Amino acid sequence: MNMHTVFQRKPLLMILACLGISSLCFIYTRTDSAATFYQIFQTSDGIKAFWETDKNLNDLFSGTQKVLKSASPFTRSIDNSIFQTHRDIRVLRDETLRNIIIDDEVDCSKRQFLLYKCSRGLCGGWGDREKGIVSSFLLALLTNRTFAIYMDKPCELENFMDPFIFNWTKCKRYLDTIPAQNTTEENHVGGNRGFYGKISSIDFEKLWTRKKIVLFLNAYVPVMDSIKLHKDVEKQMKWIVNMTRPEIVHLVIHTLFRPKQRLRNELAEFIRTNTNGRHLVCSHIRIGKNPSIPGDNNLPKGSPKEGTIFSFLKRFKNPRKYAIYIATDSNDVRQGAMNNFKNVFNINRTIVHVDRFKKVDRETDICEGLYTVLFEQLMLSFCDTLLITRSNFGTIAAYMRGSSDDLYLYHTKTDKVFLTNITNIQSVYGFV
């Protein structure tokens, strides 16, 4: 399926019904019945917003069960509107996840588990962690193991994110009771990457015999590609075979995560206040090691030249038509944007690398740093025009956004900005 045609953005006027809600607004509508993997639904009582409260969410799902059962067996789409932006969100169906779902906590003891863990040592930034989470979840589906996430570095992920379609927290109390002799831990972060190339030929029933498998991962491209070649993929997760990498990441991230109320409300209010009906233009400018995050590494392919990006963004300098948002790991870049544009805004929070923070930082500051990271990635995913530099964080924001419309890449080697298709990001940036 062509990514550009699947990820369609719709007129901005469609979102006006959500203007009175200080929350992310999601609606169901119906799509072309010829679509093989994607279906957009409409509730019996018409368009209805959700994510506003848990009650509304539960009401919406209970009202669509009959429709869901008769539609595509793999995924469903949620049509999402937030103020002046619009995107389609796709998630995996409950039916697709049935083999790894736990309906009741009392059933946890009957299951085998696969955990993504980030609690000590090197995990990487949030983009690296998302890659590890996506890979671990896919391996859980392939091996018929219930999935869980343990991330408390720098603080608990559950402080800011709830489970959405799949509940990755339900058995956490039981998992803490599984003894070490029935647990296998594997660390494939950094240079220990031999596992990735072997996935397609591994007999996981023989390799993973213990009840709890704990994985430390920070790669997803070789995992996605290898799973598609595994002998069990047709039986366990047929939906993945013809999916592009951006589609897979989009599906998994949105299936797993729903931002908590504070994050939803503050993001919605931030966008409403700063855009006021204007076209939202965003850029993520990843610099790497700089005075704002001196503990970070230098980028392997060099840092972008923000002057080139600012020159490109000058086509959007009309403050009546455009609002410009800059997400960056550098206060110098933030200040440069403020000096160049009258219509630019940013979150004005302390910049923190969630894996390389200073030991002297207070825990609350570090946790708020994680909040800022999650806030900015969600912000980028709602932009009408998006320009990214080479980073996992910005790339996954583009995948979450789910559209090739008005998507631009900055290429460090050529020092150029160019319009692209979402499926080309990997070939340009070459992530693992």
Protein backbone atom coordinates (compact mmCIF):
# COMPACT_ATOMS: atom_id res chain seq x y z
CA MET A 1 0.00 0.00 0.00
CA ASN A 2 1.39 3.39 -0.95
CA MET A 3 2.33 5.36 2.16
CA HIS A 4 1.58 8.70 0.55
CA THR A 5 -1.99 7.73 -0.31
CA VAL A 6 -2.69 6.03 3.02
CA PHE A 7 -1.38 8.92 5.14
CA GLN A 8 -3.72 11.62 3.90
CA ARG A 9 -4.17 14.93 5.70
CA LYS A 10 -7.50 16.69 5.56
CA PRO A 11 -8.75 20.29 5.52
CA LEU A 12 -8.00 22.31 8.63
CA LEU A 13 -11.62 23.45 8.93
CA MET A 14 -12.65 19.94 9.99
CA ILE A 15 -11.25 20.48 13.46
CA LEU A 16 -13.33 23.45 14.52
CA ALA A 17 -15.65 21.25 16.58
CA CYS A 18 -12.78 20.56 18.97
CA LEU A 19 -11.92 24.16 19.74
CA GLY A 20 -13.74 24.21 23.05
CA ILE A 21 -11.94 21.19 24.48
CA SER A 22 -8.61 21.50 26.27
CA SER A 23 -7.63 18.02 25.16
CA LEU A 24 -6.54 16.10 22.11
CA CYS A 25 -9.68 15.36 20.12
CA PHE A 26 -10.13 12.13 18.21
CA ILE A 27 -13.06 11.23 15.98
CA TYR A 28 -14.17 8.18 14.02
CA THR A 29 -15.24 8.41 10.39
CA ARG A 30 -15.66 5.74 7.74
CA THR A 31 -13.12 5.12 4.99
CA ASP A 32 -13.08 3.29 1.66
CA SER A 33 -14.11 -0.34 2.27
CA ALA A 34 -11.58 -1.47 -0.35
CA ALA A 35 -8.68 -0.73 1.98
CA THR A 36 -7.04 -4.00 2.99
CA PHE A 37 -5.40 -3.12 6.28
CA TYR A 38 -6.88 0.21 7.30
CA GLN A 39 -10.43 1.06 8.25
CA ILE A 40 -11.79 4.25 9.80
CA PHE A 41 -14.95 3.84 11.82
CA GLN A 42 -17.95 5.92 12.73
CA THR A 43 -19.90 5.29 15.92
CA SER A 44 -23.62 4.69 15.77
CA ASP A 45 -24.27 8.14 17.24
CA GLY A 46 -22.03 9.89 14.71
CA ILE A 47 -18.70 11.64 15.18
CA LYS A 48 -17.58 11.59 18.79
CA ALA A 49 -14.45 12.96 20.43
CA PHE A 50 -12.38 10.82 22.75
CA TRP A 51 -9.18 10.93 24.78
CA GLU A 52 -10.96 13.70 26.69
CA THR A 53 -11.75 11.36 29.60
CA ASP A 54 -11.51 7.63 30.23
CA LYS A 55 -15.29 7.48 30.38
CA ASN A 56 -15.64 8.95 26.90
CA LEU A 57 -13.01 6.53 25.62
CA ASN A 58 -14.79 3.54 27.12
CA ASP A 59 -18.13 4.71 25.78
CA LEU A 60 -16.66 5.09 22.31
CA PHE A 61 -15.15 1.62 22.22
CA SER A 62 -18.27 -0.03 23.59
CA GLY A 63 -20.29 1.72 20.90
CA THR A 64 -18.13 0.43 18.04
CA GLN A 65 -17.63 -3.23 18.90
CA LYS A 66 -20.06 -4.49 16.25
CA VAL A 67 -18.36 -2.42 13.58
CA LEU A 68 -14.88 -3.54 14.61
CA LYS A 69 -15.73 -7.24 14.38
CA SER A 70 -16.90 -6.95 10.79
CA ALA A 71 -14.00 -4.86 9.52
CA SER A 72 -10.38 -5.56 8.57
CA PRO A 73 -8.76 -8.23 10.78
CA PHE A 74 -5.49 -6.40 11.36
CA THR A 75 -5.73 -2.69 12.08
CA ARG A 76 -8.13 0.16 12.60
CA SER A 77 -7.71 3.87 12.05
CA ILE A 78 -8.62 6.68 14.37
CA ASP A 79 -9.18 10.02 12.71
CA ASN A 80 -7.57 12.61 14.95
CA SER A 81 -8.17 16.34 14.99
CA ILE A 82 -6.38 18.83 17.22
CA PHE A 83 -7.15 22.48 16.66
CA GLN A 84 -5.34 23.69 13.52
CA THR A 85 -3.75 20.36 12.53
CA HIS A 86 -5.06 17.04 11.32
CA ARG A 87 -3.65 13.54 11.05
CA ASP A 88 -4.89 9.99 10.80
CA ILE A 89 -3.87 7.57 13.52
CA ARG A 90 -3.75 3.84 12.90
CA VAL A 91 -3.65 1.24 15.67
CA LEU A 92 -3.62 -2.55 15.84
CA ARG A 93 -6.95 -4.19 16.54
CA ASP A 94 -7.69 -6.13 19.70
CA GLU A 95 -8.16 -9.18 17.49
CA THR A 96 -4.63 -8.79 16.13
CA LEU A 97 -3.29 -8.63 19.69
CA ARG A 98 -5.49 -11.38 21.12
CA ASN A 99 -2.67 -13.90 21.64
CA ILE A 100 -0.70 -11.59 23.95
CA ILE A 101 -3.49 -9.69 25.71
CA ILE A 102 -4.25 -10.33 29.39
CA ASP A 103 -7.91 -9.63 30.19
CA ASP A 104 -7.58 -10.06 33.94
CA GLU A 105 -4.58 -9.70 36.23
CA VAL A 106 -5.38 -13.10 37.80
CA ASP A 107 -4.41 -14.71 34.49
CA CYS A 108 -0.87 -13.30 34.48
CA SER A 109 0.60 -16.48 35.98
CA LYS A 110 -0.55 -18.43 32.92
CA ARG A 111 1.50 -16.37 30.47
CA GLN A 112 5.08 -16.04 29.29
CA PHE A 113 6.48 -12.51 28.98
CA LEU A 114 8.83 -10.29 27.03
CA LEU A 115 9.89 -7.00 28.62
CA TYR A 116 11.58 -3.92 27.28
CA LYS A 117 13.74 -2.55 30.08
CA CYS A 118 15.53 0.75 30.67
CA SER A 119 16.59 1.17 34.25
CA ARG A 120 20.37 1.19 34.34
CA GLY A 121 23.36 1.65 32.09
CA LEU A 122 23.02 3.02 28.57
CA CYS A 123 19.51 3.15 27.11
CA GLY A 124 19.94 6.03 24.68
CA GLY A 125 17.71 9.06 24.26
CA TRP A 126 13.93 8.84 23.89
CA GLY A 127 14.19 8.06 20.17
CA ASP A 128 16.54 5.14 20.88
CA ARG A 129 14.17 3.91 23.54
CA GLU A 130 11.21 4.09 21.19
CA LYS A 131 13.17 1.95 18.73
CA GLY A 132 13.81 -0.60 21.47
CA ILE A 133 10.17 -0.57 22.55
CA VAL A 134 8.93 -1.10 18.97
CA SER A 135 11.38 -3.98 18.41
CA SER A 136 10.57 -5.64 21.73
CA PHE A 137 6.82 -5.40 21.12
CA LEU A 138 7.18 -6.95 17.66
CA LEU A 139 9.28 -9.79 19.08
CA ALA A 140 6.62 -10.34 21.75
CA LEU A 141 4.00 -10.71 19.03
CA LEU A 142 6.23 -13.06 17.02
CA THR A 143 6.94 -15.28 20.02
CA ASN A 144 3.44 -15.15 21.51
CA ARG A 145 4.60 -13.51 24.75
CA THR A 146 2.75 -10.82 26.67
CA PHE A 147 4.58 -7.51 26.48
CA ALA A 148 5.56 -5.12 29.28
CA ILE A 149 7.67 -1.96 29.61
CA TYR A 150 9.97 -1.23 32.55
CA MET A 151 11.41 2.25 32.23
CA ASP A 152 12.38 4.24 35.30
CA LYS A 153 15.40 6.12 33.95
CA PRO A 154 15.32 9.03 34.62
CA CYS A 155 11.85 8.36 36.10
CA GLU A 156 8.79 6.19 35.54
CA LEU A 157 7.36 6.39 32.02
CA GLU A 158 3.90 5.93 33.53
CA ASN A 159 4.22 9.41 35.03
CA PHE A 160 3.48 10.79 31.56
CA MET A 161 2.17 7.95 29.37
CA ASP A 162 -0.72 5.51 29.81
CA PRO A 163 -1.26 2.30 27.84
CA PHE A 164 -3.73 2.74 25.00
CA ILE A 165 -4.95 -0.22 22.91
CA PHE A 166 -2.54 -2.70 24.51
CA ASN A 167 -2.02 -2.57 28.27
CA TRP A 168 1.69 -3.07 28.94
CA THR A 169 1.32 -2.48 32.69
CA LYS A 170 -1.29 -5.06 33.69
CA CYS A 171 1.08 -7.81 34.87
CA LYS A 172 3.90 -5.69 36.29
CA ARG A 173 3.20 -6.68 39.89
CA TYR A 174 3.23 -10.35 38.96
CA LEU A 175 6.41 -9.95 36.91
CA ASP A 176 8.21 -8.68 40.01
CA THR A 177 7.55 -12.07 41.66
CA ILE A 178 9.17 -14.19 38.92
CA PRO A 179 12.50 -15.48 40.28
CA ALA A 180 15.85 -14.83 38.62
CA GLN A 181 16.26 -18.51 37.70
CA ASN A 182 13.17 -18.23 35.50
CA THR A 183 14.35 -14.98 33.85
CA THR A 184 16.66 -14.34 30.90
CA GLU A 185 18.19 -10.90 30.32
CA GLU A 186 19.75 -9.97 26.98
CA ASN A 187 21.56 -6.69 26.30
CA HIS A 188 21.73 -5.70 22.63
CA VAL A 189 22.45 -1.98 23.11
CA GLY A 190 25.48 -0.32 21.56
CA GLY A 191 27.98 -2.58 19.82
CA ASN A 192 26.29 -5.85 20.81
CA ARG A 193 24.17 -6.11 17.64
CA GLY A 194 24.83 -9.62 16.37
CA PHE A 195 21.40 -10.74 17.56
CA TYR A 196 19.57 -8.52 15.08
CA GLY A 197 20.88 -10.24 11.97
CA LYS A 198 20.01 -13.68 13.31
CA ILE A 199 16.36 -13.06 14.18
CA SER A 200 14.96 -14.43 10.91
CA SER A 201 16.45 -17.89 11.57
CA ILE A 202 16.10 -18.19 15.36
CA ASP A 203 13.86 -20.87 16.84
CA PHE A 204 12.60 -18.79 19.75
CA GLU A 205 10.80 -21.70 21.40
CA LYS A 206 14.19 -23.33 21.91
CA LEU A 207 16.14 -20.13 22.61
CA TRP A 208 13.75 -18.51 25.08
CA THR A 209 12.54 -21.24 27.44
CA ARG A 210 12.20 -19.18 30.61
CA LYS A 211 9.02 -17.44 31.67
CA LYS A 212 10.38 -13.89 31.55
CA ILE A 213 12.63 -12.53 28.78
CA VAL A 214 14.08 -9.07 29.44
CA LEU A 215 15.53 -7.18 26.48
CA PHE A 216 17.71 -4.08 26.34
CA LEU A 217 17.41 -2.85 22.73
CA ASN A 218 17.95 0.39 20.83
CA ALA A 219 17.52 -0.63 17.16
CA TYR A 220 14.49 -1.35 15.01
CA VAL A 221 15.28 -1.43 11.28
CA PRO A 222 17.08 -4.81 11.29
CA VAL A 223 14.49 -6.21 13.70
CA MET A 224 11.53 -5.23 11.52
CA ASP A 225 13.24 -6.52 8.39
CA SER A 226 14.28 -9.83 9.98
CA ILE A 227 10.86 -10.53 11.52
CA LYS A 228 9.29 -10.30 8.07
CA LEU A 229 11.52 -13.23 7.00
CA HIS A 230 10.86 -15.42 10.03
CA LYS A 231 9.08 -18.74 9.49
CA ASP A 232 6.39 -17.89 12.06
CA VAL A 233 5.47 -14.43 10.79
CA GLU A 234 2.50 -15.52 8.66
CA LYS A 235 0.98 -17.38 11.60
CA GLN A 236 1.72 -14.88 14.34
CA MET A 237 1.62 -11.43 12.71
CA LYS A 238 0.65 -11.57 9.07
CA TRP A 239 -0.19 -7.87 9.08
CA ILE A 240 3.48 -6.86 9.15
CA VAL A 241 4.55 -8.58 5.92
CA ASN A 242 3.52 -5.85 3.48
CA MET A 243 3.94 -2.91 5.82
CA THR A 244 6.57 -0.23 5.29
CA ARG A 245 8.84 0.66 8.21
CA PRO A 246 7.09 3.99 8.86
CA GLU A 247 3.73 2.23 8.95
CA ILE A 248 4.97 -0.37 11.44
CA VAL A 249 6.44 2.24 13.78
CA HIS A 250 3.29 4.37 13.53
CA LEU A 251 1.06 1.42 14.38
CA VAL A 252 3.10 0.22 17.35
CA ILE A 253 3.67 3.63 18.97
CA HIS A 254 0.00 4.58 18.78
CA THR A 255 -1.16 1.11 19.87
CA LEU A 256 0.97 1.31 23.01
CA PHE A 257 0.78 4.92 24.20
CA ARG A 258 -1.79 7.48 25.23
CA PRO A 259 -0.42 10.69 26.80
CA LYS A 260 -1.69 11.39 30.28
CA GLN A 261 -4.24 14.13 30.90
CA ARG A 262 -1.70 16.79 31.88
CA LEU A 263 0.31 16.28 28.71
CA ARG A 264 -2.79 16.24 26.50
CA ASN A 265 -4.27 19.36 28.05
CA GLU A 266 -1.07 21.38 28.09
CA LEU A 267 -0.19 20.44 24.52
CA ALA A 268 -3.65 21.35 23.25
CA GLU A 269 -3.61 24.69 25.05
CA PHE A 270 -0.06 25.39 23.85
CA ILE A 271 -1.02 24.84 20.22
CA ARG A 272 -4.27 26.78 20.50
CA THR A 273 -2.64 29.78 22.15
CA ASN A 274 0.38 30.00 19.85
CA THR A 275 -1.14 29.21 16.46
CA ASN A 276 -4.51 30.97 16.65
CA GLY A 277 -5.69 29.43 13.39
CA ARG A 278 -2.43 29.81 11.48
CA HIS A 279 -0.58 27.15 9.47
CA LEU A 280 1.83 25.41 11.88
CA VAL A 281 5.39 25.06 10.56
CA CYS A 282 7.85 23.07 12.67
CA SER A 283 11.49 22.12 12.57
CA HIS A 284 13.47 19.76 14.76
CA ILE A 285 17.13 20.79 14.82
CA ARG A 286 19.35 18.19 16.53
CA ILE A 287 22.82 19.58 17.25
CA GLY A 288 24.36 16.95 19.54
CA LYS A 289 27.03 17.92 22.04
CA ASN A 290 26.73 21.64 22.80
CA PRO A 291 26.71 23.94 25.86
CA SER A 292 23.06 23.08 26.58
CA ILE A 293 23.78 19.31 26.82
CA PRO A 294 27.56 19.00 27.24
CA GLY A 295 27.26 15.33 28.20
CA ASP A 296 25.88 14.35 24.79
CA ASN A 297 27.99 12.89 21.96
CA ASN A 298 29.06 14.65 18.78
CA LEU A 299 26.78 13.54 15.95
CA PRO A 300 28.46 10.90 13.75
CA LYS A 301 27.55 12.65 10.50
CA GLY A 302 27.99 16.19 11.78
CA SER A 303 25.62 18.81 13.12
CA PRO A 304 23.21 20.71 10.87
CA LYS A 305 23.85 24.35 9.99
CA GLU A 306 20.89 26.16 11.47
CA GLY A 307 21.52 29.11 9.17
CA THR A 308 20.53 26.97 6.18
CA ILE A 309 17.37 25.86 7.96
CA PHE A 310 16.49 29.43 8.96
CA SER A 311 16.96 30.55 5.34
CA PHE A 312 14.51 27.86 4.23
CA LEU A 313 11.98 28.82 6.92
CA LYS A 314 11.93 32.46 5.79
CA ARG A 315 9.32 31.51 3.19
CA PHE A 316 6.99 31.13 6.21
CA LYS A 317 7.82 34.42 7.90
CA ASN A 318 4.40 36.03 7.31
CA PRO A 319 2.99 36.17 10.87
CA ARG A 320 -0.59 36.38 9.63
CA LYS A 321 -0.41 33.06 7.84
CA TYR A 322 2.19 31.02 9.71
CA ALA A 323 3.34 30.11 13.20
CA ILE A 324 6.82 28.56 13.46
CA TYR A 325 7.81 26.10 16.18
CA ILE A 326 11.45 25.13 16.75
CA ALA A 327 12.31 22.00 18.75
CA THR A 328 16.01 21.69 19.47
CA ASP A 329 18.64 20.46 21.92
CA SER A 330 20.45 23.83 21.84
CA ASN A 331 19.56 27.09 23.55
CA ASP A 332 21.75 28.89 21.00
CA VAL A 333 19.52 27.57 18.20
CA ARG A 334 16.43 28.64 20.10
CA GLN A 335 17.80 32.15 20.48
CA GLY A 336 18.86 32.26 16.84
CA ALA A 337 15.32 31.41 15.78
CA MET A 338 13.92 34.15 18.01
CA ASN A 339 16.32 36.63 16.42
CA ASN A 340 15.35 35.63 12.87
CA PHE A 341 11.55 35.33 13.10
CA LYS A 342 8.78 37.37 14.66
CA ASN A 343 6.34 34.47 14.40
CA VAL A 344 8.45 31.79 16.11
CA PHE A 345 7.63 30.15 19.45
CA ASN A 346 9.04 27.33 21.55
CA ILE A 347 8.40 25.57 24.82
CA ASN A 348 11.00 27.60 26.79
CA ARG A 349 11.88 24.70 29.08
CA THR A 350 15.27 23.47 30.27
CA ILE A 351 16.93 21.17 27.73
CA VAL A 352 17.78 17.74 29.18
CA HIS A 353 19.15 14.59 27.52
CA VAL A 354 17.22 11.83 29.28
CA ASP A 355 20.18 9.42 29.19
CA ARG A 356 23.06 11.85 29.77
CA PHE A 357 21.81 14.19 32.45
CA LYS A 358 24.04 15.70 35.10
CA LYS A 359 24.18 13.87 38.41
CA VAL A 360 23.71 17.17 40.23
CA ASP A 361 20.33 17.74 38.59
CA ARG A 362 17.41 17.33 40.94
CA GLU A 363 15.11 14.37 40.20
CA THR A 364 12.15 16.66 39.56
CA ASP A 365 14.14 18.60 36.95
CA ILE A 366 15.17 15.37 35.21
CA CYS A 367 11.59 14.07 35.16
CA GLU A 368 10.37 17.38 33.79
CA GLY A 369 13.09 17.00 31.16
CA LEU A 370 11.50 13.72 30.09
CA TYR A 371 8.11 15.43 30.04
CA THR A 372 9.53 18.12 27.75
CA VAL A 373 10.93 15.48 25.39
CA LEU A 374 7.54 13.73 25.13
CA PHE A 375 5.76 17.08 24.73
CA GLU A 376 8.02 18.22 21.90
CA GLN A 377 7.79 14.97 19.96
CA LEU A 378 3.99 15.03 20.15
CA MET A 379 4.09 18.69 19.12
CA LEU A 380 6.14 17.84 16.02
CA SER A 381 3.70 15.08 15.11
CA PHE A 382 0.86 17.61 14.82
CA CYS A 383 2.61 20.08 12.50
CA ASP A 384 1.18 21.05 9.10
CA THR A 385 4.69 21.47 7.69
CA LEU A 386 7.55 19.51 9.25
CA LEU A 387 11.30 19.81 8.65
CA ILE A 388 13.59 17.37 10.46
CA THR A 389 17.33 16.88 10.76
CA ARG A 390 19.02 13.53 11.29
CA SER A 391 17.78 12.10 14.59
CA ASN A 392 15.71 9.18 15.82
CA PHE A 393 13.54 11.60 17.79
CA GLY A 394 12.52 13.69 14.77
CA THR A 395 12.16 10.69 12.47
CA ILE A 396 9.75 8.94 14.82
CA ALA A 397 7.81 12.20 15.20
CA ALA A 398 7.41 12.15 11.40
CA TYR A 399 6.26 8.52 11.55
CA MET A 400 3.78 9.38 14.30
CA ARG A 401 2.54 12.27 12.17
CA GLY A 402 1.98 9.71 9.45
CA SER A 403 2.03 11.92 6.36
CA SER A 404 4.34 12.80 3.49
CA ASP A 405 2.52 16.10 3.00
CA ASP A 406 4.86 19.08 3.46
CA LEU A 407 7.61 16.88 4.91
CA TYR A 408 11.17 18.16 4.49
CA LEU A 409 14.59 16.73 5.35
CA TYR A 410 17.85 18.51 6.01
CA HIS A 411 20.86 16.64 4.62
CA THR A 412 24.08 17.38 6.50
CA LYS A 413 26.51 16.34 3.76
CA THR A 414 24.97 18.58 1.10
CA ASP A 415 23.72 21.26 3.51
CA LYS A 416 20.38 21.22 1.66
CA VAL A 417 16.70 21.09 2.62
CA PHE A 418 14.43 19.10 0.32
CA LEU A 419 10.83 17.88 0.09
CA THR A 420 10.52 14.13 0.56
CA ASN A 421 8.24 11.12 1.03
CA ILE A 422 8.03 9.60 4.50
CA THR A 423 9.35 6.27 3.20
CA ASN A 424 12.60 7.95 2.09
CA ILE A 425 13.74 9.06 5.55
CA GLN A 426 15.52 5.79 6.31
CA SER A 427 17.39 5.71 3.01
CA VAL A 428 18.59 9.30 3.56
CA TYR A 429 19.53 9.05 7.23
CA GLY A 430 20.46 5.35 7.49
CA PHE A 431 19.36 4.50 11.03
CA VAL A 432 19.60 1.05 12.64
